[in-house]
Protein backbone atom coordinates (compact mmCIF):
# COMPACT_ATOMS: atom_id res chain seq x y z
CA UNK A 1 0.00 0.00 0.00
CA UNK A 2 2.82 2.43 0.80
CA UNK A 3 4.57 1.49 -2.44
CA UNK A 4 1.41 2.23 -4.42
CA UNK A 5 1.07 5.61 -2.71
CA UNK A 6 4.71 6.44 -3.45
CA UNK A 7 4.26 5.37 -7.09
CA UNK A 8 1.18 7.60 -7.41
CA UNK A 9 3.09 10.51 -5.91
CA UNK A 10 5.98 9.99 -8.36
CA UNK A 11 3.59 9.72 -11.29
CA UNK A 12 1.77 12.87 -10.18
CA UNK A 13 5.07 14.72 -9.81
CA UNK A 14 6.23 13.74 -13.30
CA UNK A 15 2.85 14.61 -14.82
CA UNK A 16 2.99 18.06 -13.22
CA UNK A 17 6.55 18.60 -14.51
CA UNK A 18 5.56 17.44 -17.99
CA UNK A 19 2.42 19.58 -17.98
CA UNK A 20 4.42 22.63 -16.92
CA UNK A 21 6.97 22.03 -19.66
CA UNK A 22 4.21 21.55 -22.23
CA UNK A 23 2.46 24.75 -21.12
CA UNK A 24 5.75 26.67 -21.30
CA UNK A 25 6.38 25.39 -24.82
CA UNK A 26 2.85 26.34 -25.87
CA UNK A 27 3.20 29.89 -24.55
CA UNK A 28 6.61 30.25 -26.21
CA UNK A 29 5.15 29.07 -29.53
CA UNK A 30 2.26 31.54 -29.27
CA UNK A 31 4.64 34.42 -28.53
CA UNK A 32 6.94 33.42 -31.39
CA UNK A 33 4.03 33.28 -33.82
CA UNK A 34 2.78 36.68 -32.63
CA UNK A 35 6.24 38.22 -33.14
CA UNK A 36 6.55 36.76 -36.62
CA UNK A 37 3.08 37.93 -37.66
CA UNK A 38 3.75 41.43 -36.28
CA UNK A 39 7.07 41.71 -38.13
CA UNK A 40 5.48 40.71 -41.43
CA UNK A 41 3.50 43.96 -41.42
CA UNK A 42 6.70 46.01 -40.94
CA UNK A 43 8.47 44.21 -43.77
CA UNK A 44 5.68 45.06 -46.20
CA UNK A 45 5.98 48.77 -45.37
CA UNK A 46 9.74 48.86 -45.93
CA UNK A 47 9.89 46.50 -48.91
CA UNK A 48 11.53 47.94 -52.01
CA UNK A 49 13.36 50.75 -50.22
CA UNK A 50 17.06 51.11 -50.86
CA UNK A 51 19.92 53.28 -49.65
CA UNK A 52 19.21 56.03 -52.17
CA UNK A 53 15.93 56.75 -50.39
CA UNK A 54 17.63 57.27 -47.01
CA UNK A 55 18.25 60.84 -45.79
CA UNK A 56 21.68 62.27 -46.52
CA UNK A 57 24.14 63.14 -43.76
CA UNK A 58 23.35 66.84 -44.13
CA UNK A 59 19.65 66.12 -43.49
CA UNK A 60 20.40 64.42 -40.18
CA UNK A 61 20.56 66.56 -37.03
CA UNK A 62 24.00 67.19 -35.63
CA UNK A 63 25.03 65.84 -32.25
CA UNK A 64 25.21 69.35 -30.80
CA UNK A 65 21.62 70.09 -31.78
CA UNK A 66 20.41 68.47 -28.57
CA UNK A 67 20.67 70.44 -25.34
CA UNK A 68 23.25 69.28 -22.85
CA UNK A 69 21.94 68.13 -19.47
CA UNK A 70 22.60 70.51 -16.64
CA UNK A 71 23.14 69.52 -13.05
CA UNK A 72 22.92 71.62 -9.96
CA UNK A 73 26.26 72.41 -8.38
CA UNK A 74 24.60 72.24 -4.96
CA UNK A 75 24.38 68.78 -3.47
CA UNK A 76 21.13 67.81 -1.79
CA UNK A 77 21.11 67.73 2.00
CA UNK A 78 22.10 64.40 3.55
CA UNK A 79 19.32 61.96 4.22
CA UNK A 80 18.16 61.98 7.79
CA UNK A 81 18.30 58.62 9.45
CA UNK A 82 15.75 57.49 11.94
CA UNK A 83 17.15 57.31 15.42
CA UNK A 84 15.80 54.65 17.66
CA UNK A 85 16.23 54.70 21.36
CA UNK A 86 16.43 51.56 23.32
CA UNK A 87 15.18 51.33 26.87
CA UNK A 88 17.95 51.02 29.41
PDB file of N, CA and C in Angstrom:
ATOM      1  N   UNK A   1       0.813  -1.182   0.000  1.00  0.00           N
ATOM      2  CA  UNK A   1       0.000   0.000   0.000  1.00  0.00           C
ATOM      3  C   UNK A   1       0.868   1.262   0.000  1.00  0.00           C
ATOM      4  N   UNK A   2       1.924   1.271   0.768  1.00  0.00           N
ATOM      5  CA  UNK A   2       2.819   2.430   0.805  1.00  0.00           C
ATOM      6  C   UNK A   2       3.545   2.575  -0.524  1.00  0.00           C
ATOM      7  N   UNK A   3       3.887   1.428  -1.141  1.00  0.00           N
ATOM      8  CA  UNK A   3       4.567   1.495  -2.435  1.00  0.00           C
ATOM      9  C   UNK A   3       3.647   2.071  -3.501  1.00  0.00           C
ATOM     10  N   UNK A   4       2.362   1.707  -3.460  1.00  0.00           N
ATOM     11  CA  UNK A   4       1.406   2.234  -4.420  1.00  0.00           C
ATOM     12  C   UNK A   4       1.233   3.743  -4.245  1.00  0.00           C
ATOM     13  N   UNK A   5       1.208   4.183  -3.000  1.00  0.00           N
ATOM     14  CA  UNK A   5       1.071   5.610  -2.714  1.00  0.00           C
ATOM     15  C   UNK A   5       2.299   6.373  -3.214  1.00  0.00           C
ATOM     16  N   UNK A   6       3.483   5.797  -2.986  1.00  0.00           N
ATOM     17  CA  UNK A   6       4.707   6.439  -3.455  1.00  0.00           C
ATOM     18  C   UNK A   6       4.750   6.472  -4.981  1.00  0.00           C
ATOM     19  N   UNK A   7       4.283   5.402  -5.627  1.00  0.00           N
ATOM     20  CA  UNK A   7       4.256   5.366  -7.090  1.00  0.00           C
ATOM     21  C   UNK A   7       3.292   6.415  -7.628  1.00  0.00           C
ATOM     22  N   UNK A   8       2.130   6.571  -6.984  1.00  0.00           N
ATOM     23  CA  UNK A   8       1.178   7.596  -7.409  1.00  0.00           C
ATOM     24  C   UNK A   8       1.771   8.988  -7.250  1.00  0.00           C
ATOM     25  N   UNK A   9       2.473   9.203  -6.157  1.00  0.00           N
ATOM     26  CA  UNK A   9       3.086  10.513  -5.910  1.00  0.00           C
ATOM     27  C   UNK A   9       4.151  10.815  -6.961  1.00  0.00           C
ATOM     28  N   UNK A  10       4.960   9.797  -7.317  1.00  0.00           N
ATOM     29  CA  UNK A  10       5.983   9.992  -8.362  1.00  0.00           C
ATOM     30  C   UNK A  10       5.327  10.291  -9.698  1.00  0.00           C
ATOM     31  N   UNK A  11       4.290   9.528 -10.021  1.00  0.00           N
ATOM     32  CA  UNK A  11       3.590   9.721 -11.287  1.00  0.00           C
ATOM     33  C   UNK A  11       2.986  11.125 -11.337  1.00  0.00           C
ATOM     34  N   UNK A  12       2.370  11.547 -10.238  1.00  0.00           N
ATOM     35  CA  UNK A  12       1.765  12.873 -10.183  1.00  0.00           C
ATOM     36  C   UNK A  12       2.835  13.950 -10.353  1.00  0.00           C
ATOM     37  N   UNK A  13       3.985  13.749  -9.704  1.00  0.00           N
ATOM     38  CA  UNK A  13       5.073  14.721  -9.806  1.00  0.00           C
ATOM     39  C   UNK A  13       5.545  14.839 -11.248  1.00  0.00           C
ATOM     40  N   UNK A  14       5.746  13.719 -11.925  1.00  0.00           N
ATOM     41  CA  UNK A  14       6.228  13.740 -13.304  1.00  0.00           C
ATOM     42  C   UNK A  14       5.179  14.296 -14.259  1.00  0.00           C
ATOM     43  N   UNK A  15       3.900  14.028 -13.984  1.00  0.00           N
ATOM     44  CA  UNK A  15       2.848  14.607 -14.820  1.00  0.00           C
ATOM     45  C   UNK A  15       2.786  16.125 -14.652  1.00  0.00           C
ATOM     46  N   UNK A  16       2.982  16.616 -13.441  1.00  0.00           N
ATOM     47  CA  UNK A  16       2.995  18.063 -13.215  1.00  0.00           C
ATOM     48  C   UNK A  16       4.188  18.705 -13.913  1.00  0.00           C
ATOM     49  N   UNK A  17       5.356  18.068 -13.835  1.00  0.00           N
ATOM     50  CA  UNK A  17       6.545  18.596 -14.506  1.00  0.00           C
ATOM     51  C   UNK A  17       6.330  18.609 -16.022  1.00  0.00           C
ATOM     52  N   UNK A  18       5.816  17.511 -16.548  1.00  0.00           N
ATOM     53  CA  UNK A  18       5.557  17.435 -17.986  1.00  0.00           C
ATOM     54  C   UNK A  18       4.508  18.436 -18.432  1.00  0.00           C
ATOM     55  N   UNK A  19       3.459  18.606 -17.650  1.00  0.00           N
ATOM     56  CA  UNK A  19       2.421  19.579 -17.981  1.00  0.00           C
ATOM     57  C   UNK A  19       2.951  21.004 -17.959  1.00  0.00           C
ATOM     58  N   UNK A  20       3.806  21.297 -16.990  1.00  0.00           N
ATOM     59  CA  UNK A  20       4.419  22.629 -16.922  1.00  0.00           C
ATOM     60  C   UNK A  20       5.313  22.894 -18.115  1.00  0.00           C
ATOM     61  N   UNK A  21       6.098  21.879 -18.497  1.00  0.00           N
ATOM     62  CA  UNK A  21       6.970  22.033 -19.664  1.00  0.00           C
ATOM     63  C   UNK A  21       6.152  22.205 -20.939  1.00  0.00           C
ATOM     64  N   UNK A  22       5.072  21.446 -21.059  1.00  0.00           N
ATOM     65  CA  UNK A  22       4.210  21.552 -22.230  1.00  0.00           C
ATOM     66  C   UNK A  22       3.530  22.929 -22.284  1.00  0.00           C
ATOM     67  N   UNK A  23       3.084  23.428 -21.166  1.00  0.00           N
ATOM     68  CA  UNK A  23       2.456  24.750 -21.118  1.00  0.00           C
ATOM     69  C   UNK A  23       3.469  25.841 -21.474  1.00  0.00           C
ATOM     70  N   UNK A  24       4.701  25.701 -20.983  1.00  0.00           N
ATOM     71  CA  UNK A  24       5.747  26.674 -21.303  1.00  0.00           C
ATOM     72  C   UNK A  24       6.041  26.672 -22.792  1.00  0.00           C
ATOM     73  N   UNK A  25       6.123  25.490 -23.383  1.00  0.00           N
ATOM     74  CA  UNK A  25       6.376  25.392 -24.817  1.00  0.00           C
ATOM     75  C   UNK A  25       5.220  25.987 -25.616  1.00  0.00           C
ATOM     76  N   UNK A  26       3.998  25.787 -25.168  1.00  0.00           N
ATOM     77  CA  UNK A  26       2.848  26.338 -25.871  1.00  0.00           C
ATOM     78  C   UNK A  26       2.850  27.864 -25.825  1.00  0.00           C
ATOM     79  N   UNK A  27       3.147  28.434 -24.671  1.00  0.00           N
ATOM     80  CA  UNK A  27       3.204  29.892 -24.548  1.00  0.00           C
ATOM     81  C   UNK A  27       4.328  30.449 -25.399  1.00  0.00           C
ATOM     82  N   UNK A  28       5.487  29.796 -25.396  1.00  0.00           N
ATOM     83  CA  UNK A  28       6.615  30.248 -26.214  1.00  0.00           C
ATOM     84  C   UNK A  28       6.257  30.208 -27.698  1.00  0.00           C
ATOM     85  N   UNK A  29       5.552  29.175 -28.128  1.00  0.00           N
ATOM     86  CA  UNK A  29       5.147  29.071 -29.526  1.00  0.00           C
ATOM     87  C   UNK A  29       4.164  30.179 -29.892  1.00  0.00           C
ATOM     88  N   UNK A  30       3.232  30.477 -29.007  1.00  0.00           N
ATOM     89  CA  UNK A  30       2.260  31.542 -29.268  1.00  0.00           C
ATOM     90  C   UNK A  30       2.961  32.896 -29.379  1.00  0.00           C
ATOM     91  N   UNK A  31       3.900  33.154 -28.485  1.00  0.00           N
ATOM     92  CA  UNK A  31       4.638  34.421 -28.525  1.00  0.00           C
ATOM     93  C   UNK A  31       5.471  34.505 -29.805  1.00  0.00           C
ATOM     94  N   UNK A  32       6.131  33.415 -30.175  1.00  0.00           N
ATOM     95  CA  UNK A  32       6.941  33.419 -31.393  1.00  0.00           C
ATOM     96  C   UNK A  32       6.079  33.681 -32.620  1.00  0.00           C
ATOM     97  N   UNK A  33       4.929  33.070 -32.681  1.00  0.00           N
ATOM     98  CA  UNK A  33       4.029  33.283 -33.818  1.00  0.00           C
ATOM     99  C   UNK A  33       3.550  34.736 -33.845  1.00  0.00           C
ATOM    100  N   UNK A  34       3.231  35.291 -32.698  1.00  0.00           N
ATOM    101  CA  UNK A  34       2.779  36.680 -32.634  1.00  0.00           C
ATOM    102  C   UNK A  34       3.877  37.634 -33.101  1.00  0.00           C
ATOM    103  N   UNK A  35       5.118  37.370 -32.723  1.00  0.00           N
ATOM    104  CA  UNK A  35       6.235  38.223 -33.142  1.00  0.00           C
ATOM    105  C   UNK A  35       6.437  38.131 -34.643  1.00  0.00           C
ATOM    106  N   UNK A  36       6.359  36.937 -35.188  1.00  0.00           N
ATOM    107  CA  UNK A  36       6.550  36.759 -36.621  1.00  0.00           C
ATOM    108  C   UNK A  36       5.441  37.453 -37.397  1.00  0.00           C
ATOM    109  N   UNK A  37       4.204  37.310 -36.961  1.00  0.00           N
ATOM    110  CA  UNK A  37       3.079  37.935 -37.656  1.00  0.00           C
ATOM    111  C   UNK A  37       3.192  39.455 -37.574  1.00  0.00           C
ATOM    112  N   UNK A  38       3.606  39.985 -36.432  1.00  0.00           N
ATOM    113  CA  UNK A  38       3.753  41.429 -36.277  1.00  0.00           C
ATOM    114  C   UNK A  38       4.856  41.963 -37.176  1.00  0.00           C
ATOM    115  N   UNK A  39       5.956  41.260 -37.299  1.00  0.00           N
ATOM    116  CA  UNK A  39       7.068  41.710 -38.130  1.00  0.00           C
ATOM    117  C   UNK A  39       6.749  41.640 -39.611  1.00  0.00           C
ATOM    118  N   UNK A  40       5.849  40.791 -40.018  1.00  0.00           N
ATOM    119  CA  UNK A  40       5.483  40.713 -41.432  1.00  0.00           C
ATOM    120  C   UNK A  40       4.874  42.020 -41.896  1.00  0.00           C
ATOM    121  N   UNK A  41       4.095  42.683 -41.048  1.00  0.00           N
ATOM    122  CA  UNK A  41       3.502  43.962 -41.417  1.00  0.00           C
ATOM    123  C   UNK A  41       4.576  45.018 -41.629  1.00  0.00           C
ATOM    124  N   UNK A  42       5.612  45.038 -40.809  1.00  0.00           N
ATOM    125  CA  UNK A  42       6.697  46.008 -40.943  1.00  0.00           C
ATOM    126  C   UNK A  42       7.486  45.768 -42.222  1.00  0.00           C
ATOM    127  N   UNK A  43       7.706  44.515 -42.571  1.00  0.00           N
ATOM    128  CA  UNK A  43       8.474  44.207 -43.771  1.00  0.00           C
ATOM    129  C   UNK A  43       7.744  44.681 -45.016  1.00  0.00           C
ATOM    130  N   UNK A  44       6.443  44.630 -45.045  1.00  0.00           N
ATOM    131  CA  UNK A  44       5.679  45.062 -46.203  1.00  0.00           C
ATOM    132  C   UNK A  44       5.789  46.573 -46.381  1.00  0.00           C
ATOM    133  N   UNK A  45       5.888  47.307 -45.288  1.00  0.00           N
ATOM    134  CA  UNK A  45       5.979  48.765 -45.371  1.00  0.00           C
ATOM    135  C   UNK A  45       7.349  49.215 -45.857  1.00  0.00           C
ATOM    136  N   UNK A  46       8.391  48.451 -45.561  1.00  0.00           N
ATOM    137  CA  UNK A  46       9.741  48.863 -45.933  1.00  0.00           C
ATOM    138  C   UNK A  46      10.262  48.114 -47.152  1.00  0.00           C
ATOM    139  N   UNK A  47       9.439  47.281 -47.744  1.00  0.00           N
ATOM    140  CA  UNK A  47       9.892  46.505 -48.906  1.00  0.00           C
ATOM    141  C   UNK A  47      10.152  47.436 -50.081  1.00  0.00           C
ATOM    142  N   UNK A  48      11.220  47.180 -50.813  1.00  0.00           N
ATOM    143  CA  UNK A  48      11.529  47.943 -52.007  1.00  0.00           C
ATOM    144  C   UNK A  48      12.289  49.225 -51.749  1.00  0.00           C
ATOM    145  N   UNK A  49      12.599  49.529 -50.514  1.00  0.00           N
ATOM    146  CA  UNK A  49      13.355  50.747 -50.221  1.00  0.00           C
ATOM    147  C   UNK A  49      14.845  50.416 -50.258  1.00  0.00           C
ATOM    148  N   UNK A  50      15.618  51.344 -50.810  1.00  0.00           N
ATOM    149  CA  UNK A  50      17.056  51.114 -50.860  1.00  0.00           C
ATOM    150  C   UNK A  50      17.790  52.295 -50.259  1.00  0.00           C
ATOM    151  N   UNK A  51      19.110  52.263 -50.301  1.00  0.00           N
ATOM    152  CA  UNK A  51      19.924  53.276 -49.646  1.00  0.00           C
ATOM    153  C   UNK A  51      19.755  54.652 -50.274  1.00  0.00           C
ATOM    154  N   UNK A  52      19.377  54.721 -51.535  1.00  0.00           N
ATOM    155  CA  UNK A  52      19.213  56.029 -52.169  1.00  0.00           C
ATOM    156  C   UNK A  52      18.018  56.790 -51.601  1.00  0.00           C
ATOM    157  N   UNK A  53      17.102  56.100 -50.967  1.00  0.00           N
ATOM    158  CA  UNK A  53      15.932  56.755 -50.386  1.00  0.00           C
ATOM    159  C   UNK A  53      16.168  57.206 -48.947  1.00  0.00           C
ATOM    160  N   UNK A  54      17.323  56.863 -48.378  1.00  0.00           N
ATOM    161  CA  UNK A  54      17.631  57.270 -47.011  1.00  0.00           C
ATOM    162  C   UNK A  54      18.026  58.733 -46.984  1.00  0.00           C
ATOM    163  N   UNK A  55      17.835  59.426 -45.847  1.00  0.00           N
ATOM    164  CA  UNK A  55      18.245  60.840 -45.785  1.00  0.00           C
ATOM    165  C   UNK A  55      19.762  60.958 -45.851  1.00  0.00           C
ATOM    166  N   UNK A  56      20.233  62.055 -46.427  1.00  0.00           N
ATOM    167  CA  UNK A  56      21.682  62.270 -46.519  1.00  0.00           C
ATOM    168  C   UNK A  56      22.203  62.725 -45.162  1.00  0.00           C
ATOM    169  N   UNK A  57      23.518  62.759 -45.029  1.00  0.00           N
ATOM    170  CA  UNK A  57      24.139  63.145 -43.764  1.00  0.00           C
ATOM    171  C   UNK A  57      23.819  64.589 -43.418  1.00  0.00           C
ATOM    172  N   UNK A  58      23.664  65.440 -44.417  1.00  0.00           N
ATOM    173  CA  UNK A  58      23.353  66.843 -44.131  1.00  0.00           C
ATOM    174  C   UNK A  58      21.918  67.007 -43.627  1.00  0.00           C
ATOM    175  N   UNK A  59      21.038  66.055 -43.958  1.00  0.00           N
ATOM    176  CA  UNK A  59      19.651  66.124 -43.487  1.00  0.00           C
ATOM    177  C   UNK A  59      19.501  65.676 -42.043  1.00  0.00           C
ATOM    178  N   UNK A  60      20.474  64.930 -41.549  1.00  0.00           N
ATOM    179  CA  UNK A  60      20.400  64.424 -40.185  1.00  0.00           C
ATOM    180  C   UNK A  60      20.793  65.509 -39.201  1.00  0.00           C
ATOM    181  N   UNK A  61      20.183  65.542 -38.021  1.00  0.00           N
ATOM    182  CA  UNK A  61      20.557  66.561 -37.029  1.00  0.00           C
ATOM    183  C   UNK A  61      21.954  66.281 -36.491  1.00  0.00           C
ATOM    184  N   UNK A  62      22.655  67.353 -36.175  1.00  0.00           N
ATOM    185  CA  UNK A  62      24.004  67.186 -35.628  1.00  0.00           C
ATOM    186  C   UNK A  62      23.911  66.772 -34.168  1.00  0.00           C
ATOM    187  N   UNK A  63      25.014  66.292 -33.640  1.00  0.00           N
ATOM    188  CA  UNK A  63      25.031  65.843 -32.250  1.00  0.00           C
ATOM    189  C   UNK A  63      24.884  67.008 -31.285  1.00  0.00           C
ATOM    190  N   UNK A  64      25.298  68.193 -31.692  1.00  0.00           N
ATOM    191  CA  UNK A  64      25.209  69.353 -30.799  1.00  0.00           C
ATOM    192  C   UNK A  64      23.839  70.002 -30.847  1.00  0.00           C
ATOM    193  N   UNK A  65      22.955  69.501 -31.686  1.00  0.00           N
ATOM    194  CA  UNK A  65      21.621  70.087 -31.776  1.00  0.00           C
ATOM    195  C   UNK A  65      20.812  69.823 -30.509  1.00  0.00           C
ATOM    196  N   UNK A  66      21.155  68.804 -29.783  1.00  0.00           N
ATOM    197  CA  UNK A  66      20.414  68.466 -28.574  1.00  0.00           C
ATOM    198  C   UNK A  66      20.998  69.230 -27.394  1.00  0.00           C
ATOM    199  N   UNK A  67      20.152  69.719 -26.504  1.00  0.00           N
ATOM    200  CA  UNK A  67      20.669  70.443 -25.341  1.00  0.00           C
ATOM    201  C   UNK A  67      21.433  69.504 -24.409  1.00  0.00           C
ATOM    202  N   UNK A  68      22.455  70.053 -23.806  1.00  0.00           N
ATOM    203  CA  UNK A  68      23.251  69.278 -22.851  1.00  0.00           C
ATOM    204  C   UNK A  68      22.530  69.260 -21.507  1.00  0.00           C
ATOM    205  N   UNK A  69      22.584  68.161 -20.787  1.00  0.00           N
ATOM    206  CA  UNK A  69      21.942  68.134 -19.470  1.00  0.00           C
ATOM    207  C   UNK A  69      22.689  69.030 -18.494  1.00  0.00           C
ATOM    208  N   UNK A  70      21.954  69.667 -17.634  1.00  0.00           N
ATOM    209  CA  UNK A  70      22.596  70.515 -16.637  1.00  0.00           C
ATOM    210  C   UNK A  70      22.290  69.947 -15.256  1.00  0.00           C
ATOM    211  N   UNK A  71      23.276  70.032 -14.401  1.00  0.00           N
ATOM    212  CA  UNK A  71      23.138  69.521 -13.048  1.00  0.00           C
ATOM    213  C   UNK A  71      23.421  70.634 -12.072  1.00  0.00           C
ATOM    214  N   UNK A  72      22.713  70.617 -10.986  1.00  0.00           N
ATOM    215  CA  UNK A  72      22.918  71.624  -9.961  1.00  0.00           C
ATOM    216  C   UNK A  72      24.273  71.416  -9.300  1.00  0.00           C
ATOM    217  N   UNK A  73      24.961  72.519  -9.043  1.00  0.00           N
ATOM    218  CA  UNK A  73      26.257  72.411  -8.379  1.00  0.00           C
ATOM    219  C   UNK A  73      26.088  72.237  -6.881  1.00  0.00           C
ATOM    220  N   UNK A  74      24.870  72.377  -6.386  1.00  0.00           N
ATOM    221  CA  UNK A  74      24.597  72.237  -4.959  1.00  0.00           C
ATOM    222  C   UNK A  74      24.109  70.816  -4.705  1.00  0.00           C
ATOM    223  N   UNK A  75      24.783  70.147  -3.810  1.00  0.00           N
ATOM    224  CA  UNK A  75      24.384  68.780  -3.467  1.00  0.00           C
ATOM    225  C   UNK A  75      23.156  68.818  -2.569  1.00  0.00           C
ATOM    226  N   UNK A  76      22.306  67.837  -2.669  1.00  0.00           N
ATOM    227  CA  UNK A  76      21.131  67.806  -1.788  1.00  0.00           C
ATOM    228  C   UNK A  76      21.561  67.550  -0.351  1.00  0.00           C
ATOM    229  N   UNK A  77      20.739  67.958   0.595  1.00  0.00           N
ATOM    230  CA  UNK A  77      21.111  67.728   1.997  1.00  0.00           C
ATOM    231  C   UNK A  77      21.172  66.225   2.280  1.00  0.00           C
ATOM    232  N   UNK A  78      21.996  65.833   3.248  1.00  0.00           N
ATOM    233  CA  UNK A  78      22.102  64.401   3.551  1.00  0.00           C
ATOM    234  C   UNK A  78      20.772  63.861   4.059  1.00  0.00           C
ATOM    235  N   UNK A  79      20.567  62.623   3.811  1.00  0.00           N
ATOM    236  CA  UNK A  79      19.323  61.963   4.222  1.00  0.00           C
ATOM    237  C   UNK A  79      19.326  61.776   5.734  1.00  0.00           C
ATOM    238  N   UNK A  80      18.246  62.132   6.346  1.00  0.00           N
ATOM    239  CA  UNK A  80      18.157  61.976   7.792  1.00  0.00           C
ATOM    240  C   UNK A  80      17.833  60.529   8.100  1.00  0.00           C
ATOM    241  N   UNK A  81      18.554  59.989   9.030  1.00  0.00           N
ATOM    242  CA  UNK A  81      18.296  58.617   9.446  1.00  0.00           C
ATOM    243  C   UNK A  81      17.412  58.632  10.677  1.00  0.00           C
ATOM    244  N   UNK A  82      16.661  57.614  10.804  1.00  0.00           N
ATOM    245  CA  UNK A  82      15.751  57.494  11.941  1.00  0.00           C
ATOM    246  C   UNK A  82      16.539  56.998  13.139  1.00  0.00           C
ATOM    247  N   UNK A  83      16.450  57.725  14.210  1.00  0.00           N
ATOM    248  CA  UNK A  83      17.151  57.308  15.416  1.00  0.00           C
ATOM    249  C   UNK A  83      16.179  56.563  16.318  1.00  0.00           C
ATOM    250  N   UNK A  84      16.637  55.430  16.736  1.00  0.00           N
ATOM    251  CA  UNK A  84      15.803  54.653  17.655  1.00  0.00           C
ATOM    252  C   UNK A  84      16.478  54.636  19.009  1.00  0.00           C
ATOM    253  N   UNK A  85      15.684  54.763  20.005  1.00  0.00           N
ATOM    254  CA  UNK A  85      16.233  54.700  21.362  1.00  0.00           C
ATOM    255  C   UNK A  85      15.799  53.394  21.992  1.00  0.00           C
ATOM    256  N   UNK A  86      16.689  52.819  22.668  1.00  0.00           N
ATOM    257  CA  UNK A  86      16.426  51.558  23.317  1.00  0.00           C
ATOM    258  C   UNK A  86      16.286  51.784  24.816  1.00  0.00           C
ATOM    259  N   UNK A  87      15.335  51.146  25.413  1.00  0.00           N
ATOM    260  CA  UNK A  87      15.178  51.329  26.872  1.00  0.00           C
ATOM    261  C   UNK A  87      16.403  50.776  27.615  1.00  0.00           C
ATOM    262  N   UNK A  88      16.772  51.465  28.639  1.00  0.00           N
ATOM    263  CA  UNK A  88      17.946  51.023  29.414  1.00  0.00           C
ATOM    264  C   UNK A  88      17.544  50.388  30.709  1.00  0.00           C
TER     265      UNK A  88
END
